[in-house]
Structures are given as structure tokens and as C-alpha cells.
Amino acid sequence: MYVYSQFDVESHFQGRLKIAYLNQPETLNALNKALLGELREFIEFYEKDQDTRCIVISGRGKAFCSGQMLDEQLLNPHVNISREVQKIVVDYYNPLVNAINYSSKPIISLVNGLAVGAGAVLALICDFSLAAQSAYFSFGFSNIGLIPDTGGTYYMPKIMNRQMAHYLAYTGKKLSANEAKDLGYIADVFSDETFVQQSMEMLENIVNMPTKALTLTKKAFRKSYRYSLKEQLDLESVYQAEAARTEDFKEGIDAFLEKRKPQFKGK
């Protein structure tokens, strides 16, 4: 297994689940070029691994991710700051967003603590997010005179209502985990004491699901943002036929007829 310098990797459930734990406690897991690049490589590597059926991003310590690190280069008066910011977005953030969005594997975030700025959007752009009760979210880009990036301007108004997306982006208001769930920003909230156990139970369920069906579902959802109803219905017929050719569909039918729990292999 490749050794990453910016986060720890754990493998669970006979290698079917891979978790990247951001582990830079001194910066509250702030994002830098090295971390962004490694995280993209991590997703792309396990995207190609046939044994891996789910990929997870989480954090160590009291933070999930505190957003972009304001390092010396960004604060250097001799650097063209506008050009440098755009370069970071184009070369590091956008490739990571695309890796998550176009991955054929479920990508899930476990938000263990604060998620701010690009860290809050990183949780948002995963297929779904689970959060600890004490976690909180803030789209604080406006506090330093920037706009939401990491796909924030694309996903926020689609997941939330238009007014709330503007409100949160303009003010940087802090959201509790329960408030984020009520807005549809995250999928579920667990108590701090049970967060690890309940999250792992959910993830175990995901890795035992028919992975190819989940892949096709993710692709269909992605296309729904730009397809008409007719185009989406046509797409459903194509993807459903593809799903019906999988070994897992046959196993699902056999298990139903035999009144037993299916044993999906992700094939």
C-alpha cells in the first residue's frame, strides 16, 4: 500500500473499504497542495482497485478540515496573489472535485469535527456525509473576500434552496450538524459517543451492496443535472438493462426467491 504523508489510510472489511484520515492536527487538517494532490491520487488509485467498493474521507482530532491553508506563499507580497489563487483552484481543487464526482465508487465523508470553507464543501461534494453531533460547518469564504470554490457554487444552490445558499455563502454562518442535516446538506448525525460505531455499521452496509448498481445510480444522478425528463427516462432504461446483466442482480433475485440475505460481490 502506498504511504501518504498528509493522511493515514485504513482498510476495513477485507479491503472493501478504504478510509483516508486527514492527519495534520497542527493546522486542523487544513488543505495544502500536497494534501490536495495526495487525496486526488488516493481516490484515483482505489477507483481502479477491484477489491475496493467504497472510499471514505475523514479527519483525525477535533477537525474534519479547516479549509485552505493560508501559507507563506499566499501571504508573500511579492507573489501575484490573484494568479496564485487561480492556479491552486485549477491545478489542485478542480482535479480533486472531478475525482470525487466521476468516481465509480461511492465516496463518503465522515465529518468528525469542524468543517470550514473548502473543508465544508469537501464534505458536501461527497456522495453523502455522516457527522458527529459536535461537528459544525461554515462556508467562510466571504470572511476573507473569496467565493465558495471546490464545487461550492455548483452544489450549494442545488442541494439547499437558493436563498439559504446565498445566506450561508454571504455570511459564513456556522451550522450545527443537526442544522446541516435539516438543510439536506448532510445525510445523518450520530452522537459523539456512537459516531465511529454507527458510521462503520453504515459503511459495512454500503460495501456489501451491489457496487455496480450503485455506480450506475451515481452516474444517472450526475447526468440528471443537465438532462430533460425524456433524456433521463431513456438513460434509466439503458442503465437498468446494464444493471440487469450483473452477477449481483442474479444473486438478488435468487436470494429473494430463496428467502435469504443476498451476498453481493460487486460484480
Protein backbone atom coordinates (compact mmCIF):
# COMPACT_ATOMS: atom_id res chain seq x y z
CA MET A 1 0.00 0.00 0.00
CA TYR A 2 1.29 3.48 -0.91
CA VAL A 3 2.33 5.59 2.10
CA TYR A 4 0.80 9.06 2.10
CA SER A 5 2.42 11.91 4.01
CA GLN A 6 -0.68 14.03 4.65
CA PHE A 7 -3.17 11.46 5.91
CA ASP A 8 -3.48 7.96 7.30
CA VAL A 9 -5.15 5.17 5.34
CA GLU A 10 -7.11 2.37 6.94
CA SER A 11 -8.55 -0.69 5.23
CA HIS A 12 -11.63 -2.46 6.58
CA PHE A 13 -13.99 -5.31 5.71
CA GLN A 14 -11.46 -7.46 3.87
CA GLY A 15 -10.17 -4.48 1.87
CA ARG A 16 -13.55 -3.41 0.54
CA LEU A 17 -13.47 -0.12 2.46
CA LYS A 18 -10.64 2.43 2.32
CA ILE A 19 -10.61 5.44 4.66
CA ALA A 20 -8.30 8.45 4.36
CA TYR A 21 -7.98 10.19 7.74
CA LEU A 22 -6.63 13.72 7.29
CA ASN A 23 -3.97 13.94 9.99
CA GLN A 24 -2.46 17.42 10.29
CA PRO A 25 -3.62 18.41 13.80
CA GLU A 26 -1.39 21.48 13.99
CA THR A 27 -3.39 23.09 11.16
CA LEU A 28 -6.77 21.46 11.96
CA ASN A 29 -6.30 19.42 8.77
CA ALA A 30 -6.01 22.49 6.55
CA LEU A 31 -5.71 21.89 2.83
CA ASN A 32 -2.43 22.47 1.05
CA LYS A 33 -1.09 21.44 -2.33
CA ALA A 34 0.47 18.23 -1.02
CA LEU A 35 -2.72 17.12 0.75
CA LEU A 36 -4.97 18.01 -2.20
CA GLY A 37 -2.69 16.17 -4.62
CA GLU A 38 -2.37 13.09 -2.44
CA LEU A 39 -6.12 12.95 -1.79
CA ARG A 40 -6.83 13.01 -5.52
CA GLU A 41 -4.22 10.27 -6.10
CA PHE A 42 -5.73 8.22 -3.27
CA ILE A 43 -9.20 8.35 -4.83
CA GLU A 44 -7.93 7.65 -8.34
CA PHE A 45 -5.78 4.73 -7.13
CA TYR A 46 -8.56 2.94 -5.26
CA GLU A 47 -11.01 3.81 -8.01
CA LYS A 48 -9.09 1.28 -10.11
CA ASP A 49 -8.77 -1.31 -7.34
CA GLN A 50 -11.33 -4.06 -7.94
CA ASP A 51 -11.44 -5.11 -4.29
CA THR A 52 -12.29 -1.60 -3.05
CA ARG A 53 -16.04 -0.97 -3.02
CA CYS A 54 -16.25 2.27 -1.03
CA ILE A 55 -13.90 5.21 -0.36
CA VAL A 56 -14.16 7.46 2.69
CA ILE A 57 -12.65 10.81 3.74
CA SER A 58 -12.49 11.72 7.42
CA GLY A 59 -10.25 13.56 9.88
CA ARG A 60 -8.19 12.93 12.98
CA GLY A 61 -8.53 15.07 16.08
CA LYS A 62 -11.13 17.78 16.57
CA ALA A 63 -11.34 18.84 12.93
CA PHE A 64 -12.53 17.33 9.69
CA CYS A 65 -10.92 20.08 7.65
CA SER A 66 -10.37 23.79 8.33
CA GLY A 67 -10.16 24.79 4.66
CA GLN A 68 -7.32 26.19 2.61
CA MET A 69 -4.06 26.80 4.47
CA LEU A 70 -3.03 30.44 4.28
CA ASP A 71 0.65 29.68 3.92
CA GLU A 72 3.67 31.87 3.31
CA GLN A 73 3.30 31.77 -0.46
CA LEU A 74 -0.24 33.15 -0.34
CA LEU A 75 0.85 35.83 2.12
CA ASN A 76 4.06 36.75 0.23
CA PRO A 77 3.71 40.38 -1.01
CA HIS A 78 5.97 39.57 -4.00
CA VAL A 79 3.61 36.87 -5.32
CA ASN A 80 0.81 37.68 -7.77
CA ILE A 81 -1.88 36.55 -5.33
CA SER A 82 -4.70 36.52 -7.87
CA ARG A 83 -2.75 34.30 -10.26
CA GLU A 84 -1.58 32.00 -7.44
CA VAL A 85 -5.11 31.51 -6.07
CA GLN A 86 -6.45 30.70 -9.52
CA LYS A 87 -3.59 28.27 -10.13
CA ILE A 88 -4.34 26.42 -6.87
CA VAL A 89 -8.02 26.13 -7.79
CA VAL A 90 -7.30 24.94 -11.34
CA ASP A 91 -4.39 22.61 -10.57
CA TYR A 92 -5.43 21.14 -7.21
CA TYR A 93 -9.04 21.76 -6.20
CA ASN A 94 -10.74 21.15 -9.53
CA PRO A 95 -8.99 17.80 -10.18
CA LEU A 96 -10.00 16.61 -6.70
CA VAL A 97 -13.63 17.63 -7.28
CA ASN A 98 -13.63 15.75 -10.58
CA ALA A 99 -12.05 12.66 -8.99
CA ILE A 100 -14.84 12.56 -6.41
CA ASN A 101 -17.62 13.39 -8.83
CA TYR A 102 -16.63 10.94 -11.56
CA SER A 103 -15.51 8.07 -9.36
CA SER A 104 -17.42 4.86 -9.99
CA LYS A 105 -17.13 4.04 -6.28
CA PRO A 106 -19.25 5.54 -3.51
CA ILE A 107 -17.33 8.42 -1.92
CA ILE A 108 -18.49 9.23 1.61
CA SER A 109 -17.32 11.78 4.16
CA LEU A 110 -17.30 11.18 7.92
CA VAL A 111 -17.27 14.64 9.49
CA ASN A 112 -15.74 14.17 12.93
CA GLY A 113 -15.34 17.86 13.80
CA LEU A 114 -15.27 21.35 12.37
CA ALA A 115 -15.56 21.70 8.58
CA VAL A 116 -14.85 25.22 7.35
CA GLY A 117 -14.52 26.86 3.93
CA ALA A 118 -13.22 24.36 1.38
CA GLY A 119 -13.43 21.74 4.14
CA ALA A 120 -17.18 22.27 4.42
CA VAL A 121 -17.58 21.96 0.66
CA LEU A 122 -15.34 18.88 0.58
CA ALA A 123 -17.88 17.16 2.83
CA LEU A 124 -20.75 18.44 0.66
CA ILE A 125 -19.45 17.11 -2.67
CA CYS A 126 -19.11 13.53 -1.45
CA ASP A 127 -21.99 11.20 -2.30
CA PHE A 128 -23.23 11.64 1.24
CA SER A 129 -21.89 12.75 4.61
CA LEU A 130 -22.29 11.48 8.16
CA ALA A 131 -21.42 13.81 11.03
CA ALA A 132 -20.73 13.65 14.73
CA GLN A 133 -23.11 15.67 16.93
CA SER A 134 -20.38 18.17 17.85
CA ALA A 135 -19.31 18.82 14.25
CA TYR A 136 -20.14 22.12 12.65
CA PHE A 137 -19.94 23.67 9.19
CA SER A 138 -19.18 27.14 7.90
CA PHE A 139 -18.79 28.41 4.34
CA GLY A 140 -16.46 31.15 5.50
CA PHE A 141 -15.03 32.18 2.12
CA SER A 142 -16.60 35.64 2.32
CA ASN A 143 -14.75 36.29 5.58
CA ILE A 144 -11.52 36.58 3.60
CA GLY A 145 -13.06 38.11 0.46
CA LEU A 146 -13.36 34.96 -1.65
CA ILE A 147 -16.16 32.93 -3.23
CA PRO A 148 -17.04 29.28 -2.49
CA ASP A 149 -14.83 27.00 -4.59
CA THR A 150 -14.30 23.22 -4.52
CA GLY A 151 -17.59 23.00 -6.45
CA GLY A 152 -19.45 25.04 -3.83
CA THR A 153 -21.14 27.41 -6.27
CA TYR A 154 -22.36 24.39 -8.25
CA TYR A 155 -23.66 22.19 -5.44
CA MET A 156 -24.85 24.61 -2.76
CA PRO A 157 -27.85 26.07 -4.64
CA LYS A 158 -28.80 22.60 -5.88
CA ILE A 159 -28.69 20.87 -2.51
CA MET A 160 -30.10 23.75 -0.47
CA ASN A 161 -32.68 26.27 -1.56
CA ARG A 162 -31.47 29.34 -3.41
CA GLN A 163 -31.92 31.77 -0.52
CA MET A 164 -30.14 29.58 2.00
CA ALA A 165 -27.20 29.03 -0.36
CA HIS A 166 -26.82 32.81 -0.71
CA TYR A 167 -27.28 33.36 3.02
CA LEU A 168 -24.63 30.86 4.05
CA ALA A 169 -22.17 31.98 1.36
CA TYR A 170 -22.63 35.68 2.17
CA THR A 171 -22.46 35.40 5.96
CA GLY A 172 -20.31 32.36 6.69
CA LYS A 173 -22.84 31.46 9.39
CA LYS A 174 -21.87 28.45 11.47
CA LEU A 175 -24.21 25.46 11.12
CA SER A 176 -24.51 22.74 13.73
CA ALA A 177 -24.57 19.16 12.49
CA ASN A 178 -28.32 18.96 13.12
CA GLU A 179 -28.94 22.21 11.24
CA ALA A 180 -26.88 20.91 8.32
CA LYS A 181 -28.94 17.72 8.28
CA ASP A 182 -32.20 19.68 8.32
CA LEU A 183 -31.00 21.60 5.26
CA GLY A 184 -30.20 18.38 3.41
CA TYR A 185 -26.53 19.27 3.47
CA ILE A 186 -25.54 16.05 5.24
CA ALA A 187 -27.32 12.70 5.44
CA ASP A 188 -27.24 11.84 9.14
CA VAL A 189 -25.92 12.82 12.56
CA PHE A 190 -24.74 10.48 15.33
CA SER A 191 -23.79 11.25 18.90
CA ASP A 192 -20.08 11.76 19.54
CA GLU A 193 -20.02 8.61 21.63
CA THR A 194 -21.54 6.40 18.93
CA PHE A 195 -20.26 8.19 15.81
CA VAL A 196 -17.49 5.73 14.98
CA GLN A 197 -19.58 2.63 15.63
CA GLN A 198 -22.69 3.80 13.79
CA SER A 199 -20.68 5.17 10.87
CA MET A 200 -18.84 1.89 10.46
CA GLU A 201 -22.11 -0.04 10.57
CA MET A 202 -23.42 2.16 7.76
CA LEU A 203 -20.22 1.74 5.76
CA GLU A 204 -20.29 -2.02 6.20
CA ASN A 205 -23.76 -1.99 4.71
CA ILE A 206 -22.53 0.07 1.74
CA VAL A 207 -19.58 -2.21 0.95
CA ASN A 208 -21.94 -5.20 0.96
CA MET A 209 -24.31 -3.60 -1.55
CA PRO A 210 -24.22 -4.33 -5.33
CA THR A 211 -21.44 -1.93 -6.27
CA LYS A 212 -22.18 -1.79 -9.99
CA ALA A 213 -25.77 -0.77 -9.30
CA LEU A 214 -24.51 1.99 -7.02
CA THR A 215 -22.10 3.10 -9.75
CA LEU A 216 -24.91 3.34 -12.29
CA THR A 217 -27.09 5.19 -9.79
CA LYS A 218 -24.31 7.73 -9.21
CA LYS A 219 -23.83 8.22 -12.95
CA ALA A 220 -27.57 8.67 -13.51
CA PHE A 221 -27.87 11.21 -10.69
CA ARG A 222 -24.91 13.14 -12.12
CA LYS A 223 -26.49 13.36 -15.57
CA SER A 224 -29.85 14.46 -14.12
CA TYR A 225 -28.42 17.95 -13.51
CA ARG A 226 -28.44 18.62 -17.25
CA TYR A 227 -30.85 16.07 -18.78
CA SER A 228 -34.51 16.62 -19.58
CA LEU A 229 -37.07 14.19 -18.18
CA LYS A 230 -37.23 12.33 -21.50
CA GLU A 231 -33.45 12.04 -21.69
CA GLN A 232 -33.31 10.82 -18.09
CA LEU A 233 -36.02 8.20 -18.67
CA ASP A 234 -34.15 6.94 -21.74
CA LEU A 235 -30.94 6.81 -19.69
CA GLU A 236 -32.68 4.84 -16.95
CA SER A 237 -33.72 2.18 -19.43
CA VAL A 238 -30.13 1.81 -20.66
CA TYR A 239 -28.60 1.72 -17.18
CA GLN A 240 -31.28 -0.63 -15.88
CA ALA A 241 -30.51 -3.07 -18.67
CA GLU A 242 -26.82 -2.82 -17.78
CA ALA A 243 -27.58 -3.48 -14.11
CA ALA A 244 -29.71 -6.48 -15.04
CA ARG A 245 -26.68 -8.09 -16.72
CA THR A 246 -24.64 -8.14 -13.49
CA GLU A 247 -23.97 -11.14 -11.29
CA ASP A 248 -25.34 -9.18 -8.34
CA PHE A 249 -28.76 -8.81 -9.98
CA LYS A 250 -28.94 -12.57 -10.40
CA GLU A 251 -27.87 -13.02 -6.79
CA GLY A 252 -30.51 -10.53 -5.65
CA ILE A 253 -33.25 -12.43 -7.46
CA ASP A 254 -32.01 -15.81 -6.22
CA ALA A 255 -31.85 -14.54 -2.64
CA PHE A 256 -35.36 -13.11 -2.87
CA LEU A 257 -36.79 -16.38 -4.18
CA GLU A 258 -34.86 -18.40 -1.61
CA LYS A 259 -35.87 -16.02 1.21
CA ARG A 260 -32.29 -15.34 2.32
CA LYS A 261 -29.99 -12.36 2.59
CA PRO A 262 -28.16 -11.67 -0.69
CA GLN A 263 -24.37 -11.99 -0.83
CA PHE A 264 -23.36 -9.36 -3.34
CA LYS A 265 -19.85 -9.47 -4.81
CA GLY A 266 -19.81 -6.13 -6.60
CA LYS A 267 -19.76 -7.86 -9.99
